[in-house]
Amino acid sequence: MPLILPGLLTTGTFVFMEAWNNLIYPMTFITTLEKQTLPAALVLTFTGQFKTDWGGMMAAATITTLPLMIAFFAVQRSMVRGLTSGAVAGA
């Protein structure tokens, strides 16, 4: 189990990031703003036909990355420990 834990954490992290950052599918298949994912809602909220509020979009994008950063820092030590535990020593 200790050797598989880093792989599971890495896979879980990538799946979570893909679901969190997904833009194309929500914009294509979900039509109401209330049900959109955060990246799609950012695009639909801060862009207009002739104007884009870049400052507001970047501020909101920075805030939406905070949960990903917190999740990464929470599992970073475990991932590094597991990745280096199977390394060949003295080669």
Protein backbone atom coordinates (compact mmCIF):
# COMPACT_ATOMS: atom_id res chain seq x y z
CA MET A 1 0.00 0.00 0.00
CA PRO A 2 2.77 2.56 0.70
CA LEU A 3 4.08 2.27 -2.87
CA ILE A 4 0.68 2.73 -4.50
CA LEU A 5 -0.36 5.74 -2.40
CA PRO A 6 1.68 8.35 -4.37
CA GLY A 7 0.26 7.05 -7.64
CA LEU A 8 -3.27 7.25 -6.30
CA LEU A 9 -2.69 10.74 -4.95
CA THR A 10 -1.20 11.89 -8.25
CA THR A 11 -4.05 10.38 -10.26
CA GLY A 12 -6.61 11.90 -7.92
CA THR A 13 -4.91 15.29 -8.14
CA PHE A 14 -4.91 15.25 -11.95
CA VAL A 15 -8.55 14.10 -12.13
CA PHE A 16 -9.58 16.83 -9.70
CA MET A 17 -7.64 19.47 -11.66
CA GLU A 18 -9.19 18.34 -14.96
CA ALA A 19 -12.70 18.49 -13.53
CA TRP A 20 -12.02 21.83 -11.84
CA ASN A 21 -10.48 23.48 -14.92
CA ASN A 22 -12.79 22.01 -17.54
CA LEU A 23 -14.02 24.73 -19.89
CA ILE A 24 -15.22 23.28 -23.20
CA TYR A 25 -17.78 20.71 -21.98
CA PRO A 26 -19.61 22.99 -19.53
CA MET A 27 -19.81 25.81 -22.07
CA THR A 28 -21.16 23.38 -24.68
CA PHE A 29 -23.62 21.30 -22.70
CA ILE A 30 -24.71 23.46 -19.74
CA THR A 31 -26.82 26.44 -20.72
CA THR A 32 -27.59 28.13 -17.38
CA LEU A 33 -24.99 30.25 -15.60
CA GLU A 34 -25.95 28.86 -12.18
CA LYS A 35 -24.84 25.33 -13.15
CA GLN A 36 -21.58 26.25 -14.90
CA THR A 37 -18.17 25.28 -13.57
CA LEU A 38 -15.97 28.12 -12.31
CA PRO A 39 -13.83 28.63 -15.45
CA ALA A 40 -16.88 28.65 -17.72
CA ALA A 41 -18.73 31.01 -15.40
CA LEU A 42 -15.72 33.34 -15.39
CA VAL A 43 -15.69 33.51 -19.17
CA LEU A 44 -19.44 34.06 -19.39
CA THR A 45 -19.48 36.63 -16.59
CA PHE A 46 -16.51 38.83 -17.51
CA THR A 47 -16.69 38.83 -21.31
CA GLY A 48 -19.14 40.69 -23.47
CA GLN A 49 -19.60 41.19 -27.17
CA PHE A 50 -17.19 44.11 -27.42
CA LYS A 51 -15.59 44.31 -23.97
CA THR A 52 -13.69 42.06 -21.56
CA ASP A 53 -13.07 42.96 -17.93
CA TRP A 54 -9.54 41.56 -17.74
CA GLY A 55 -8.84 42.86 -14.25
CA GLY A 56 -11.95 41.28 -12.77
CA MET A 57 -11.37 38.04 -14.65
CA MET A 58 -7.76 37.74 -13.46
CA ALA A 59 -8.75 38.51 -9.85
CA ALA A 60 -11.49 35.87 -9.94
CA ALA A 61 -9.18 33.36 -11.64
CA THR A 62 -6.59 33.88 -8.91
CA ILE A 63 -9.21 33.21 -6.24
CA THR A 64 -10.46 30.07 -8.01
CA THR A 65 -6.95 28.58 -8.04
CA LEU A 66 -6.65 28.76 -4.25
CA PRO A 67 -8.42 25.40 -3.57
CA LEU A 68 -6.09 23.66 -6.03
CA MET A 69 -3.04 25.20 -4.42
CA ILE A 70 -4.21 24.22 -0.94
CA ALA A 71 -4.89 20.65 -2.09
CA PHE A 72 -1.46 20.43 -3.72
CA PHE A 73 0.40 21.70 -0.68
CA ALA A 74 -1.57 19.30 1.53
CA VAL A 75 -0.43 16.20 -0.42
CA GLN A 76 2.97 17.44 -1.66
CA ARG A 77 5.01 15.87 1.15
CA SER A 78 3.31 12.49 0.74
CA MET A 79 3.79 12.51 -3.03
CA VAL A 80 7.51 13.31 -2.82
CA ARG A 81 8.07 10.73 -0.08
CA GLY A 82 6.37 8.02 -2.11
CA LEU A 83 8.13 8.90 -5.35
CA THR A 84 11.56 8.79 -3.72
CA SER A 85 10.93 5.65 -1.63
CA GLY A 86 11.30 3.35 -4.65
CA ALA A 87 14.46 5.00 -5.95
CA VAL A 88 17.63 2.94 -6.34
CA ALA A 89 20.22 3.90 -3.73
CA GLY A 90 23.97 3.78 -4.35
CA ALA A 91 23.78 3.11 -8.08
